[in-house]
Amino acid sequence: MSSIALSLSGIVAILCAYLIGSIPFAVLVSRGMGLQDPRTFGSKNPGATNVLRSGNKSAAILTLCGDAAKGWFAVWLAESVGLPDFIVALCAIAVFLGHLYPVFLGFKGGKGVATALGVLLALQPWLALATVATWLIVAYASRYSSLAAIAAAIFTPLYYLFGGNVAWPFSPLICAAIVVICVIVCFRHKANIARLLVGKESRIGGKKAAGPRSNAH
């Protein structure tokens, strides 16, 4: 009976994590601040980077914080109720996939960088710090947000592997979840990789791609 209860609680936790990940902060923040829907300009990606193209830095920061917070909250919730690593790992993947394929936006979401960061923050704060440092260094040196995200996604699993049992407790299941998330982040940036290779990727602080502002309906 206890194993059935555990499996049911695990299913509920994973479903909740997915629904939390599906919350479209980019759209909600833009609508609340009277900005153009981020799905209608630039990369048409409902994420903080595209919201920044509207020219409103506050909206982009709020979107970034919201997307990261939902990743953190879903994993923290699973950990706080004492669910096993297997379920926590699945919740981490579920909240991330919720952002990528949100049920509230017809399964068309963002690239998941901020949500992945929130997941890492809940799993291991020092790992999240190392990931942010990698992103900042690459972004500052290259001025490419996409390249910074890809570099961070490549190095994060390595940080976890080599830091395990030294800087933080190591769990093969959590490691597998981190690898899955980072591989998907790289895959979601395949169009950016193609533009980087031909020198057509937009740089941080480059020309705005958004159209005129309009009140959301």
N, C-alpha and C. Protein backbone atom coordinates (compact mmCIF):
# COMPACT_ATOMS: atom_id res chain seq x y z
N MET A 1 0.83 -1.21 0.00
CA MET A 1 0.00 0.00 0.00
C MET A 1 0.86 1.25 0.00
N SER A 2 1.98 1.18 0.79
CA SER A 2 2.88 2.35 0.86
C SER A 2 3.54 2.62 -0.48
N SER A 3 3.87 1.53 -1.22
CA SER A 3 4.51 1.73 -2.52
C SER A 3 3.54 2.36 -3.51
N ILE A 4 2.23 1.99 -3.39
CA ILE A 4 1.22 2.59 -4.25
C ILE A 4 1.08 4.07 -3.94
N ALA A 5 1.06 4.39 -2.63
CA ALA A 5 0.94 5.77 -2.21
C ALA A 5 2.13 6.58 -2.70
N LEU A 6 3.32 5.97 -2.62
CA LEU A 6 4.53 6.66 -3.08
C LEU A 6 4.45 6.93 -4.57
N SER A 7 4.00 5.95 -5.35
CA SER A 7 3.92 6.14 -6.79
C SER A 7 2.87 7.20 -7.14
N LEU A 8 1.77 7.20 -6.41
CA LEU A 8 0.73 8.20 -6.67
C LEU A 8 1.23 9.60 -6.30
N SER A 9 1.92 9.72 -5.18
CA SER A 9 2.45 11.02 -4.78
C SER A 9 3.50 11.49 -5.77
N GLY A 10 4.26 10.53 -6.29
CA GLY A 10 5.27 10.88 -7.29
C GLY A 10 4.64 11.41 -8.57
N ILE A 11 3.58 10.74 -9.02
CA ILE A 11 2.87 11.17 -10.23
C ILE A 11 2.28 12.57 -10.04
N VAL A 12 1.68 12.80 -8.87
CA VAL A 12 1.09 14.11 -8.57
C VAL A 12 2.18 15.18 -8.56
N ALA A 13 3.32 14.86 -7.94
CA ALA A 13 4.42 15.82 -7.86
C ALA A 13 4.96 16.17 -9.25
N ILE A 14 5.10 15.16 -10.10
CA ILE A 14 5.62 15.39 -11.46
C ILE A 14 4.63 16.23 -12.28
N LEU A 15 3.33 15.91 -12.14
CA LEU A 15 2.30 16.68 -12.85
C LEU A 15 2.28 18.13 -12.38
N CYS A 16 2.37 18.32 -11.06
CA CYS A 16 2.40 19.68 -10.52
C CYS A 16 3.62 20.44 -11.03
N ALA A 17 4.76 19.76 -11.08
CA ALA A 17 5.99 20.39 -11.57
C ALA A 17 5.81 20.85 -13.01
N TYR A 18 5.20 20.01 -13.83
CA TYR A 18 4.96 20.38 -15.23
C TYR A 18 4.05 21.60 -15.33
N LEU A 19 2.98 21.61 -14.54
CA LEU A 19 2.04 22.74 -14.58
C LEU A 19 2.69 24.03 -14.09
N ILE A 20 3.53 23.92 -13.07
CA ILE A 20 4.27 25.09 -12.59
C ILE A 20 5.18 25.61 -13.70
N GLY A 21 5.86 24.70 -14.37
CA GLY A 21 6.74 25.09 -15.47
C GLY A 21 6.01 25.72 -16.63
N SER A 22 4.72 25.39 -16.77
CA SER A 22 3.92 25.91 -17.88
C SER A 22 3.48 27.35 -17.69
N ILE A 23 3.65 27.90 -16.47
CA ILE A 23 3.23 29.28 -16.23
C ILE A 23 4.05 30.22 -17.13
N PRO A 24 3.41 30.94 -18.05
CA PRO A 24 4.14 31.76 -19.05
C PRO A 24 4.45 33.17 -18.55
N PHE A 25 5.49 33.30 -17.74
CA PHE A 25 5.79 34.61 -17.16
C PHE A 25 6.07 35.67 -18.21
N ALA A 26 6.69 35.30 -19.32
CA ALA A 26 6.98 36.29 -20.36
C ALA A 26 5.70 36.94 -20.87
N VAL A 27 4.68 36.13 -21.09
CA VAL A 27 3.40 36.63 -21.58
C VAL A 27 2.67 37.39 -20.49
N LEU A 28 2.66 36.84 -19.28
CA LEU A 28 1.94 37.49 -18.18
C LEU A 28 2.55 38.85 -17.81
N VAL A 29 3.88 38.89 -17.75
CA VAL A 29 4.55 40.15 -17.41
C VAL A 29 4.32 41.18 -18.51
N SER A 30 4.46 40.76 -19.76
CA SER A 30 4.25 41.69 -20.88
C SER A 30 2.83 42.21 -20.90
N ARG A 31 1.89 41.33 -20.66
CA ARG A 31 0.49 41.75 -20.64
C ARG A 31 0.22 42.70 -19.47
N GLY A 32 0.77 42.38 -18.32
CA GLY A 32 0.57 43.21 -17.15
C GLY A 32 1.18 44.59 -17.27
N MET A 33 2.27 44.71 -18.06
CA MET A 33 2.95 45.99 -18.23
C MET A 33 2.55 46.69 -19.52
N GLY A 34 1.54 46.13 -20.21
CA GLY A 34 1.05 46.76 -21.43
C GLY A 34 2.01 46.70 -22.59
N LEU A 35 2.82 45.65 -22.64
CA LEU A 35 3.80 45.50 -23.72
C LEU A 35 3.27 44.53 -24.78
N GLN A 36 3.93 44.55 -25.90
CA GLN A 36 3.57 43.65 -26.99
C GLN A 36 3.85 42.20 -26.58
N ASP A 37 3.00 41.31 -27.01
CA ASP A 37 3.17 39.88 -26.73
C ASP A 37 4.51 39.42 -27.29
N PRO A 38 5.40 38.84 -26.48
CA PRO A 38 6.73 38.45 -26.97
C PRO A 38 6.69 37.37 -28.05
N ARG A 39 5.56 36.74 -28.21
CA ARG A 39 5.43 35.73 -29.26
C ARG A 39 5.18 36.33 -30.63
N THR A 40 5.11 37.68 -30.71
CA THR A 40 4.80 38.34 -31.98
C THR A 40 5.98 39.12 -32.56
N PHE A 41 7.14 39.08 -31.89
CA PHE A 41 8.29 39.81 -32.42
C PHE A 41 9.59 39.09 -32.09
N GLY A 42 10.67 39.58 -32.69
CA GLY A 42 11.99 38.99 -32.44
C GLY A 42 12.03 37.52 -32.77
N SER A 43 12.50 36.73 -31.81
CA SER A 43 12.57 35.28 -32.01
C SER A 43 11.22 34.61 -31.79
N LYS A 44 10.22 35.41 -31.34
CA LYS A 44 8.89 34.90 -31.00
C LYS A 44 8.95 33.89 -29.86
N ASN A 45 10.01 33.98 -29.08
CA ASN A 45 10.23 33.07 -27.97
C ASN A 45 9.73 33.70 -26.67
N PRO A 46 8.82 33.05 -25.94
CA PRO A 46 8.31 33.61 -24.69
C PRO A 46 9.31 33.44 -23.55
N GLY A 47 10.39 34.21 -23.63
CA GLY A 47 11.42 34.14 -22.62
C GLY A 47 11.99 35.52 -22.34
N ALA A 48 12.86 35.61 -21.33
CA ALA A 48 13.39 36.90 -20.89
C ALA A 48 14.20 37.61 -21.97
N THR A 49 15.01 36.87 -22.72
CA THR A 49 15.84 37.49 -23.75
C THR A 49 15.00 38.19 -24.80
N ASN A 50 13.90 37.55 -25.21
CA ASN A 50 13.06 38.16 -26.22
C ASN A 50 12.24 39.32 -25.65
N VAL A 51 11.84 39.20 -24.38
CA VAL A 51 11.13 40.30 -23.73
C VAL A 51 12.04 41.53 -23.68
N LEU A 52 13.33 41.30 -23.50
CA LEU A 52 14.29 42.41 -23.48
C LEU A 52 14.29 43.18 -24.80
N ARG A 53 13.97 42.49 -25.88
CA ARG A 53 13.92 43.15 -27.19
C ARG A 53 12.80 44.17 -27.29
N SER A 54 11.88 44.13 -26.33
CA SER A 54 10.82 45.14 -26.31
C SER A 54 11.37 46.48 -25.86
N GLY A 55 12.57 46.46 -25.29
CA GLY A 55 13.19 47.68 -24.78
C GLY A 55 12.90 47.93 -23.32
N ASN A 56 12.14 47.05 -22.70
CA ASN A 56 11.78 47.22 -21.30
C ASN A 56 12.61 46.25 -20.44
N LYS A 57 13.65 46.77 -19.81
CA LYS A 57 14.55 45.93 -19.01
C LYS A 57 13.86 45.38 -17.77
N SER A 58 12.97 46.17 -17.19
CA SER A 58 12.25 45.72 -15.99
C SER A 58 11.40 44.49 -16.29
N ALA A 59 10.74 44.52 -17.44
CA ALA A 59 9.92 43.38 -17.84
C ALA A 59 10.78 42.14 -18.05
N ALA A 60 11.95 42.33 -18.66
CA ALA A 60 12.85 41.21 -18.90
C ALA A 60 13.36 40.62 -17.59
N ILE A 61 13.69 41.48 -16.63
CA ILE A 61 14.18 41.02 -15.33
C ILE A 61 13.08 40.26 -14.58
N LEU A 62 11.86 40.80 -14.62
CA LEU A 62 10.74 40.12 -13.96
C LEU A 62 10.48 38.76 -14.59
N THR A 63 10.59 38.69 -15.92
CA THR A 63 10.39 37.42 -16.62
C THR A 63 11.47 36.43 -16.23
N LEU A 64 12.71 36.90 -16.21
CA LEU A 64 13.84 36.05 -15.82
C LEU A 64 13.65 35.49 -14.42
N CYS A 65 13.28 36.36 -13.48
CA CYS A 65 13.08 35.94 -12.09
C CYS A 65 11.92 34.95 -11.97
N GLY A 66 10.84 35.22 -12.70
CA GLY A 66 9.68 34.33 -12.66
C GLY A 66 10.00 32.96 -13.21
N ASP A 67 10.68 32.92 -14.35
CA ASP A 67 11.03 31.64 -14.97
C ASP A 67 12.00 30.84 -14.10
N ALA A 68 12.95 31.54 -13.47
CA ALA A 68 13.89 30.86 -12.57
C ALA A 68 13.17 30.38 -11.31
N ALA A 69 12.28 31.23 -10.78
CA ALA A 69 11.58 30.90 -9.54
C ALA A 69 10.71 29.65 -9.68
N LYS A 70 10.08 29.49 -10.83
CA LYS A 70 9.22 28.30 -10.98
C LYS A 70 10.05 27.03 -11.05
N GLY A 71 11.24 27.10 -11.65
CA GLY A 71 12.14 25.95 -11.66
C GLY A 71 12.59 25.60 -10.25
N TRP A 72 12.95 26.63 -9.48
CA TRP A 72 13.38 26.42 -8.10
C TRP A 72 12.24 25.87 -7.25
N PHE A 73 11.07 26.47 -7.36
CA PHE A 73 9.96 26.10 -6.50
C PHE A 73 9.52 24.66 -6.70
N ALA A 74 9.44 24.22 -7.95
CA ALA A 74 8.97 22.85 -8.23
C ALA A 74 9.91 21.81 -7.63
N VAL A 75 11.22 22.04 -7.75
CA VAL A 75 12.19 21.09 -7.22
C VAL A 75 12.24 21.20 -5.70
N TRP A 76 12.21 22.41 -5.17
CA TRP A 76 12.22 22.61 -3.72
C TRP A 76 11.02 21.93 -3.08
N LEU A 77 9.87 22.04 -3.71
CA LEU A 77 8.66 21.43 -3.19
C LEU A 77 8.80 19.92 -3.12
N ALA A 78 9.34 19.32 -4.18
CA ALA A 78 9.53 17.87 -4.20
C ALA A 78 10.51 17.43 -3.12
N GLU A 79 11.56 18.21 -2.92
CA GLU A 79 12.56 17.88 -1.89
C GLU A 79 11.99 18.09 -0.49
N SER A 80 11.22 19.15 -0.31
CA SER A 80 10.74 19.51 1.02
C SER A 80 9.75 18.50 1.59
N VAL A 81 9.04 17.77 0.72
CA VAL A 81 8.09 16.77 1.22
C VAL A 81 8.73 15.39 1.32
N GLY A 82 10.03 15.33 1.08
CA GLY A 82 10.77 14.10 1.29
C GLY A 82 10.67 13.06 0.20
N LEU A 83 10.38 13.48 -1.03
CA LEU A 83 10.30 12.52 -2.13
C LEU A 83 11.71 12.01 -2.48
N PRO A 84 11.83 10.79 -2.96
CA PRO A 84 13.15 10.22 -3.27
C PRO A 84 13.81 10.91 -4.46
N ASP A 85 15.12 10.71 -4.60
CA ASP A 85 15.88 11.36 -5.67
C ASP A 85 15.29 11.08 -7.05
N PHE A 86 14.76 9.88 -7.25
CA PHE A 86 14.20 9.52 -8.55
C PHE A 86 13.05 10.46 -8.93
N ILE A 87 12.17 10.73 -7.96
CA ILE A 87 11.03 11.61 -8.22
C ILE A 87 11.48 13.05 -8.31
N VAL A 88 12.42 13.46 -7.46
CA VAL A 88 12.96 14.82 -7.53
C VAL A 88 13.58 15.08 -8.90
N ALA A 89 14.33 14.10 -9.39
CA ALA A 89 14.96 14.23 -10.71
C ALA A 89 13.91 14.37 -11.80
N LEU A 90 12.84 13.58 -11.72
CA LEU A 90 11.77 13.67 -12.72
C LEU A 90 11.01 15.00 -12.61
N CYS A 91 10.86 15.50 -11.38
CA CYS A 91 10.22 16.81 -11.20
C CYS A 91 11.07 17.91 -11.83
N ALA A 92 12.39 17.79 -11.70
CA ALA A 92 13.30 18.77 -12.29
C ALA A 92 13.13 18.79 -13.81
N ILE A 93 13.05 17.62 -14.41
CA ILE A 93 12.86 17.54 -15.86
C ILE A 93 11.46 18.03 -16.23
N ALA A 94 10.46 17.69 -15.41
CA ALA A 94 9.07 18.05 -15.72
C ALA A 94 8.85 19.56 -15.72
N VAL A 95 9.38 20.26 -14.72
CA VAL A 95 9.18 21.71 -14.68
C VAL A 95 9.91 22.37 -15.84
N PHE A 96 11.05 21.83 -16.21
CA PHE A 96 11.80 22.34 -17.36
C PHE A 96 11.01 22.13 -18.65
N LEU A 97 10.47 20.93 -18.83
CA LEU A 97 9.67 20.64 -20.03
C LEU A 97 8.38 21.46 -20.05
N GLY A 98 7.88 21.77 -18.85
CA GLY A 98 6.69 22.62 -18.78
C GLY A 98 6.94 23.99 -19.39
N HIS A 99 8.15 24.52 -19.15
CA HIS A 99 8.49 25.81 -19.75
C HIS A 99 8.66 25.68 -21.27
N LEU A 100 9.27 24.60 -21.71
CA LEU A 100 9.49 24.40 -23.14
C LEU A 100 8.21 24.10 -23.90
N TYR A 101 7.33 23.32 -23.27
CA TYR A 101 6.09 22.90 -23.93
C TYR A 101 4.91 23.18 -22.99
N PRO A 102 4.61 24.46 -22.76
CA PRO A 102 3.56 24.82 -21.78
C PRO A 102 2.16 24.53 -22.28
N VAL A 103 1.39 23.87 -21.45
CA VAL A 103 0.02 23.54 -21.82
C VAL A 103 -0.81 24.81 -22.02
N PHE A 104 -0.44 25.90 -21.34
CA PHE A 104 -1.21 27.14 -21.42
C PHE A 104 -0.92 27.95 -22.69
N LEU A 105 0.12 27.57 -23.42
CA LEU A 105 0.48 28.30 -24.65
C LEU A 105 0.49 27.37 -25.87
N GLY A 106 -0.31 26.34 -25.80
CA GLY A 106 -0.37 25.42 -26.94
C GLY A 106 0.92 24.66 -27.14
N PHE A 107 1.65 24.41 -26.07
CA PHE A 107 2.89 23.63 -26.07
C PHE A 107 4.02 24.29 -26.86
N LYS A 108 3.95 25.63 -26.96
CA LYS A 108 5.01 26.37 -27.65
C LYS A 108 5.63 27.35 -26.65
N GLY A 109 6.77 26.95 -26.08
CA GLY A 109 7.37 27.74 -25.02
C GLY A 109 8.76 28.25 -25.35
N GLY A 110 9.50 28.58 -24.30
CA GLY A 110 10.83 29.17 -24.46
C GLY A 110 11.92 28.12 -24.53
N LYS A 111 13.14 28.58 -24.32
CA LYS A 111 14.30 27.69 -24.43
C LYS A 111 14.75 27.13 -23.09
N GLY A 112 14.21 27.67 -22.01
CA GLY A 112 14.38 27.02 -20.72
C GLY A 112 15.63 27.35 -19.93
N VAL A 113 16.41 28.34 -20.35
CA VAL A 113 17.67 28.63 -19.67
C VAL A 113 17.42 29.10 -18.23
N ALA A 114 16.52 30.06 -18.06
CA ALA A 114 16.24 30.58 -16.72
C ALA A 114 15.60 29.52 -15.83
N THR A 115 14.70 28.73 -16.38
CA THR A 115 14.06 27.68 -15.60
C THR A 115 15.07 26.62 -15.19
N ALA A 116 15.98 26.29 -16.10
CA ALA A 116 17.05 25.33 -15.78
C ALA A 116 17.92 25.87 -14.65
N LEU A 117 18.20 27.16 -14.68
CA LEU A 117 18.98 27.77 -13.60
C LEU A 117 18.25 27.66 -12.26
N GLY A 118 16.94 27.89 -12.27
CA GLY A 118 16.16 27.74 -11.05
C GLY A 118 16.21 26.32 -10.51
N VAL A 119 16.15 25.35 -11.41
CA VAL A 119 16.26 23.94 -11.03
C VAL A 119 17.60 23.68 -10.35
N LEU A 120 18.68 24.18 -10.95
CA LEU A 120 20.02 24.00 -10.38
C LEU A 120 20.13 24.66 -9.01
N LEU A 121 19.50 25.81 -8.86
CA LEU A 121 19.55 26.53 -7.59
C LEU A 121 18.92 25.70 -6.48
N ALA A 122 17.84 24.98 -6.80
CA ALA A 122 17.19 24.13 -5.81
C ALA A 122 18.00 22.87 -5.54
N LEU A 123 18.60 22.31 -6.59
CA LEU A 123 19.36 21.07 -6.44
C LEU A 123 20.67 21.29 -5.71
N GLN A 124 21.40 22.35 -6.13
CA GLN A 124 22.70 22.64 -5.55
C GLN A 124 23.10 24.08 -5.84
N PRO A 125 22.95 24.96 -4.86
CA PRO A 125 23.22 26.39 -5.08
C PRO A 125 24.61 26.69 -5.63
N TRP A 126 25.63 25.98 -5.16
CA TRP A 126 26.99 26.24 -5.64
C TRP A 126 27.14 25.88 -7.11
N LEU A 127 26.44 24.83 -7.54
CA LEU A 127 26.45 24.45 -8.95
C LEU A 127 25.79 25.54 -9.78
N ALA A 128 24.68 26.07 -9.28
CA ALA A 128 23.99 27.17 -9.97
C ALA A 128 24.91 28.38 -10.09
N LEU A 129 25.67 28.67 -9.03
CA LEU A 129 26.59 29.80 -9.06
C LEU A 129 27.68 29.60 -10.10
N ALA A 130 28.20 28.38 -10.19
CA ALA A 130 29.23 28.08 -11.19
C ALA A 130 28.67 28.22 -12.61
N THR A 131 27.41 27.83 -12.79
CA THR A 131 26.76 27.93 -14.09
C THR A 131 26.56 29.39 -14.48
N VAL A 132 26.10 30.20 -13.52
CA VAL A 132 25.91 31.63 -13.78
C VAL A 132 27.24 32.29 -14.11
N ALA A 133 28.30 31.93 -13.39
CA ALA A 133 29.62 32.50 -13.65
C ALA A 133 30.08 32.18 -15.06
N THR A 134 29.82 30.94 -15.50
CA THR A 134 30.19 30.54 -16.87
C THR A 134 29.43 31.37 -17.89
N TRP A 135 28.12 31.53 -17.64
CA TRP A 135 27.31 32.32 -18.57
C TRP A 135 27.82 33.75 -18.65
N LEU A 136 28.09 34.35 -17.51
CA LEU A 136 28.54 35.74 -17.47
C LEU A 136 29.88 35.93 -18.19
N ILE A 137 30.80 35.02 -17.96
CA ILE A 137 32.12 35.13 -18.59
C ILE A 137 32.01 35.04 -20.11
N VAL A 138 31.27 34.03 -20.59
CA VAL A 138 31.13 33.85 -22.05
C VAL A 138 30.32 34.99 -22.65
N ALA A 139 29.26 35.43 -21.96
CA ALA A 139 28.44 36.53 -22.48
C ALA A 139 29.24 37.82 -22.56
N TYR A 140 30.04 38.09 -21.53
CA TYR A 140 30.86 39.31 -21.52
C TYR A 140 31.92 39.28 -22.62
N ALA A 141 32.52 38.11 -22.82
CA ALA A 141 33.59 38.00 -23.80
C ALA A 141 33.07 38.00 -25.24
N SER A 142 31.91 37.39 -25.46
CA SER A 142 31.41 37.22 -26.83
C SER A 142 30.27 38.16 -27.19
N ARG A 143 29.53 38.63 -26.18
CA ARG A 143 28.32 39.43 -26.37
C ARG A 143 27.20 38.62 -27.03
N TYR A 144 27.28 37.30 -26.94
CA TYR A 144 26.24 36.42 -27.47
C TYR A 144 25.55 35.71 -26.31
N SER A 145 24.27 36.01 -26.09
CA SER A 145 23.53 35.34 -25.04
C SER A 145 23.37 33.85 -25.33
N SER A 146 23.13 33.52 -26.58
CA SER A 146 22.93 32.12 -26.95
C SER A 146 24.20 31.30 -26.75
N LEU A 147 25.35 31.85 -27.13
CA LEU A 147 26.61 31.15 -26.95
C LEU A 147 26.91 30.94 -25.47
N ALA A 148 26.59 31.94 -24.66
CA ALA A 148 26.79 31.82 -23.21
C ALA A 148 25.92 30.70 -22.64
N ALA A 149 24.66 30.62 -23.11
CA ALA A 149 23.76 29.58 -22.63
C ALA A 149 24.25 28.19 -23.04
N ILE A 150 24.72 28.07 -24.26
CA ILE A 150 25.22 26.78 -24.75
C ILE A 150 26.46 26.36 -23.96
N ALA A 151 27.38 27.30 -23.74
CA ALA A 151 28.61 27.00 -22.99
C ALA A 151 28.26 26.58 -21.56
N ALA A 152 27.33 27.29 -20.94
CA ALA A 152 26.92 26.95 -19.58
C ALA A 152 26.29 25.56 -19.53
N ALA A 153 25.48 25.23 -20.54
CA ALA A 153 24.83 23.93 -20.59
C ALA A 153 25.85 22.80 -20.77
N ILE A 154 26.92 23.07 -21.50
CA ILE A 154 27.96 22.06 -21.71
C ILE A 154 28.77 21.83 -20.45
N PHE A 155 29.10 22.91 -19.76
CA PHE A 155 29.98 22.80 -18.59
C PHE A 155 29.27 22.35 -17.32
N THR A 156 27.98 22.64 -17.19
CA THR A 156 27.26 22.33 -15.94
C THR A 156 27.32 20.85 -15.56
N PRO A 157 27.04 19.90 -16.46
CA PRO A 157 27.16 18.49 -16.07
C PRO A 157 28.59 18.13 -15.65
N LEU A 158 29.57 18.74 -16.29
CA LEU A 158 30.97 18.47 -15.93
C LEU A 158 31.27 18.98 -14.53
N TYR A 159 30.75 20.17 -14.21
CA TYR A 159 30.92 20.70 -12.86
C TYR A 159 30.32 19.74 -11.83
N TYR A 160 29.13 19.23 -12.15
CA TYR A 160 28.47 18.34 -11.19
C TYR A 160 29.25 17.04 -11.02
N LEU A 161 29.74 16.49 -12.14
CA LEU A 161 30.48 15.23 -12.09
C LEU A 161 31.77 15.38 -11.30
N PHE A 162 32.56 16.40 -11.63
CA PHE A 162 33.86 16.56 -10.99
C PHE A 162 33.76 17.15 -9.59
N GLY A 163 32.64 17.81 -9.29
CA GLY A 163 32.47 18.38 -7.95
C GLY A 163 31.75 17.45 -6.99
N GLY A 164 31.20 16.36 -7.52
CA GLY A 164 30.47 15.42 -6.70
C GLY A 164 31.29 14.82 -5.58
N ASN A 165 30.69 14.75 -4.38
CA ASN A 165 31.32 14.23 -3.17
C ASN A 165 32.49 15.08 -2.69
N VAL A 166 32.70 16.23 -3.35
CA VAL A 166 33.74 17.17 -2.91
C VAL A 166 33.07 18.50 -2.57
N ALA A 167 32.45 19.12 -3.57
CA ALA A 167 31.76 20.39 -3.34
C ALA A 167 30.30 20.19 -2.96
N TRP A 168 29.73 19.02 -3.32
CA TRP A 168 28.33 18.73 -3.01
C TRP A 168 28.10 17.22 -3.07
N PRO A 169 27.04 16.74 -2.42
CA PRO A 169 26.73 15.30 -2.49
C PRO A 169 26.40 14.89 -3.92
N PHE A 170 26.87 13.72 -4.31
CA PHE A 170 26.65 13.26 -5.68
C PHE A 170 25.52 12.24 -5.72
N SER A 171 24.61 12.42 -6.70
CA SER A 171 23.52 11.48 -6.92
C SER A 171 23.46 11.16 -8.41
N PRO A 172 23.60 9.90 -8.79
CA PRO A 172 23.53 9.53 -10.22
C PRO A 172 22.22 9.94 -10.86
N LEU A 173 21.11 9.87 -10.12
CA LEU A 173 19.81 10.22 -10.66
C LEU A 173 19.70 11.73 -10.93
N ILE A 174 20.19 12.52 -9.98
CA ILE A 174 20.19 13.97 -10.16
C ILE A 174 21.12 14.35 -11.30
N CYS A 175 22.26 13.66 -11.37
CA CYS A 175 23.21 13.91 -12.46
C CYS A 175 22.56 13.63 -13.81
N ALA A 176 21.83 12.54 -13.90
CA ALA A 176 21.15 12.19 -15.15
C ALA A 176 20.14 13.26 -15.54
N ALA A 177 19.41 13.79 -14.55
CA ALA A 177 18.43 14.85 -14.83
C ALA A 177 19.13 16.10 -15.35
N ILE A 178 20.25 16.44 -14.74
CA ILE A 178 21.00 17.63 -15.17
C ILE A 178 21.50 17.45 -16.60
N VAL A 179 22.00 16.26 -16.92
CA VAL A 179 22.48 15.98 -18.28
C VAL A 179 21.34 16.11 -19.29
N VAL A 180 20.18 15.53 -18.96
CA VAL A 180 19.02 15.60 -19.86
C VAL A 180 18.63 17.05 -20.12
N ILE A 181 18.54 17.84 -19.06
CA ILE A 181 18.15 19.24 -19.18
C ILE A 181 19.15 20.01 -20.03
N CYS A 182 20.44 19.80 -19.78
CA CYS A 182 21.47 20.54 -20.52
C CYS A 182 21.54 20.14 -21.99
N VAL A 183 21.33 18.87 -22.27
CA VAL A 183 21.30 18.42 -23.67
C VAL A 183 20.12 19.08 -24.40
N ILE A 184 18.97 19.14 -23.74
CA ILE A 184 17.80 19.76 -24.36
C ILE A 184 18.02 21.25 -24.57
N VAL A 185 18.67 21.93 -23.60
CA VAL A 185 18.99 23.35 -23.77
C VAL A 185 19.82 23.56 -25.03
N CYS A 186 20.82 22.73 -25.22
CA CYS A 186 21.67 22.85 -26.43
C CYS A 186 20.84 22.59 -27.69
N PHE A 187 19.98 21.58 -27.63
CA PHE A 187 19.15 21.26 -28.79
C PHE A 187 18.20 22.40 -29.12
N ARG A 188 17.65 23.03 -28.11
CA ARG A 188 16.72 24.15 -28.34
C ARG A 188 17.42 25.36 -28.94
N HIS A 189 18.75 25.37 -28.87
CA HIS A 189 19.52 26.48 -29.44
C HIS A 189 20.12 26.13 -30.80
N LYS A 190 19.58 25.10 -31.45
CA LYS A 190 20.18 24.66 -32.72
C LYS A 190 20.12 25.74 -33.79
N ALA A 191 19.04 26.53 -33.80
CA ALA A 191 18.95 27.62 -34.77
C ALA A 191 19.98 28.70 -34.46
N ASN A 192 20.20 28.95 -33.17
CA ASN A 192 21.21 29.93 -32.77
C ASN A 192 22.61 29.46 -33.16
N ILE A 193 22.84 28.16 -33.01
CA ILE A 193 24.14 27.59 -33.38
C ILE A 193 24.39 27.79 -34.87
N ALA A 194 23.34 27.56 -35.67
CA ALA A 194 23.48 27.74 -37.12
C ALA A 194 23.80 29.19 -37.46
N ARG A 195 23.14 30.15 -36.77
CA ARG A 195 23.42 31.56 -37.03
C ARG A 195 24.81 31.96 -36.54
N LEU A 196 25.23 31.37 -35.42
CA LEU A 196 26.57 31.67 -34.91
C LEU A 196 27.64 31.23 -35.92
N LEU A 197 27.42 30.09 -36.54
CA LEU A 197 28.41 29.54 -37.48
C LEU A 197 28.55 30.41 -38.73
N VAL A 198 27.49 31.12 -39.10
CA VAL A 198 27.55 31.99 -40.29
C VAL A 198 27.65 33.46 -39.92
N GLY A 199 27.81 33.74 -38.64
CA GLY A 199 27.99 35.12 -38.20
C GLY A 199 26.75 35.99 -38.26
N LYS A 200 25.57 35.38 -38.14
CA LYS A 200 24.33 36.15 -38.24
C LYS A 200 23.55 36.22 -36.92
N GLU A 201 24.14 35.72 -35.86
CA GLU A 201 23.46 35.74 -34.57
C GLU A 201 23.51 37.15 -33.98
N SER A 202 22.39 37.59 -33.38
CA SER A 202 22.35 38.93 -32.80
C SER A 202 23.10 38.94 -31.48
N ARG A 203 23.75 40.07 -31.19
CA ARG A 203 24.54 40.22 -29.97
C ARG A 203 23.71 40.89 -28.87
N ILE A 204 24.15 40.73 -27.65
CA ILE A 204 23.51 41.39 -26.52
C ILE A 204 23.64 42.90 -26.71
N GLY A 205 22.52 43.59 -26.56
CA GLY A 205 22.55 45.04 -26.74
C GLY A 205 22.46 45.46 -28.18
N GLY A 206 22.17 44.49 -29.07
CA GLY A 206 22.06 44.81 -30.49
C GLY A 206 20.76 45.51 -30.79
N LYS A 207 20.47 45.69 -32.06
CA LYS A 207 19.28 46.41 -32.51
C LYS A 207 18.01 45.71 -32.05
N LYS A 208 17.07 46.45 -31.56
CA LYS A 208 15.81 45.90 -31.10
C LYS A 208 15.02 45.33 -32.26
N ALA A 209 14.37 44.21 -31.99
CA ALA A 209 13.60 43.55 -33.03
C ALA A 209 12.10 43.66 -32.81
N ALA A 210 11.72 44.30 -31.73
CA ALA A 210 10.29 44.38 -31.41
C ALA A 210 9.59 45.45 -32.22
N GLY A 211 8.33 45.22 -32.42
CA GLY A 211 7.50 46.21 -33.11
C GLY A 211 6.98 47.18 -32.08
N PRO A 212 6.04 48.02 -32.48
CA PRO A 212 5.48 49.01 -31.55
C PRO A 212 4.72 48.33 -30.44
N ARG A 213 4.70 48.99 -29.29
CA ARG A 213 3.99 48.43 -28.16
C ARG A 213 2.49 48.49 -28.39
N SER A 214 1.84 47.51 -27.82
CA SER A 214 0.38 47.53 -27.91
C SER A 214 -0.17 46.87 -26.67
N ASN A 215 -1.32 47.29 -26.22
CA ASN A 215 -1.93 46.70 -25.04
C ASN A 215 -2.45 45.30 -25.39
N ALA A 216 -2.13 44.35 -24.50
CA ALA A 216 -2.58 42.98 -24.72
C ALA A 216 -4.07 42.89 -24.43
N HIS A 217 -4.71 41.99 -25.14
CA HIS A 217 -6.15 41.80 -24.93
C HIS A 217 -6.38 40.58 -24.06
